[in-house]
Amino acid sequence: MSHRDFMALFLWLSLLTWLMHDRMAWLELWLIWDKGIL
């Protein structure tokens, strides 16, 4: 596994951990996603 892959995995795990601990983050992420689609 390359260094870049490791960093990407680390960032994803950090994001997931943040989302698990911050329920409001889910709402914020959904609003951003919704705006992106529209």
Protein backbone atom coordinates (compact mmCIF):
# COMPACT_ATOMS: atom_id res chain seq x y z
CA MET A 1 0.00 0.00 0.00
CA SER A 2 1.41 3.35 -1.01
CA HIS A 3 1.87 6.35 1.27
CA ARG A 4 -0.94 8.18 -0.53
CA ASP A 5 -3.34 5.29 0.05
CA PHE A 6 -2.43 5.25 3.73
CA MET A 7 -3.09 8.98 4.07
CA ALA A 8 -6.44 8.66 2.30
CA LEU A 9 -7.44 5.81 4.61
CA PHE A 10 -6.35 7.82 7.64
CA LEU A 11 -8.42 10.80 6.52
CA TRP A 12 -11.48 8.62 5.96
CA LEU A 13 -11.13 7.06 9.42
CA SER A 14 -10.74 10.50 10.97
CA LEU A 15 -13.86 11.73 9.18
CA LEU A 16 -15.89 8.69 10.25
CA THR A 17 -14.72 9.05 13.85
CA TRP A 18 -15.70 12.74 13.80
CA LEU A 19 -19.14 11.88 12.40
CA MET A 20 -19.67 9.19 15.03
CA HIS A 21 -18.96 11.67 17.83
CA ASP A 22 -20.72 14.70 16.36
CA ARG A 23 -24.32 13.96 15.39
CA MET A 24 -24.81 17.50 14.13
CA ALA A 25 -22.07 16.80 11.61
CA TRP A 26 -24.42 14.36 9.87
CA LEU A 27 -26.97 17.13 9.39
CA GLU A 28 -24.33 19.55 8.13
CA LEU A 29 -22.94 16.94 5.74
CA TRP A 30 -26.44 16.16 4.45
CA LEU A 31 -27.17 19.86 3.86
CA ILE A 32 -23.89 20.27 1.96
CA TRP A 33 -24.63 17.12 -0.06
CA ASP A 34 -28.17 18.34 -0.79
CA LYS A 35 -26.88 21.71 -2.00
CA GLY A 36 -24.31 19.92 -4.14
CA ILE A 37 -27.02 17.83 -5.82
CA LEU A 38 -29.33 20.80 -6.36
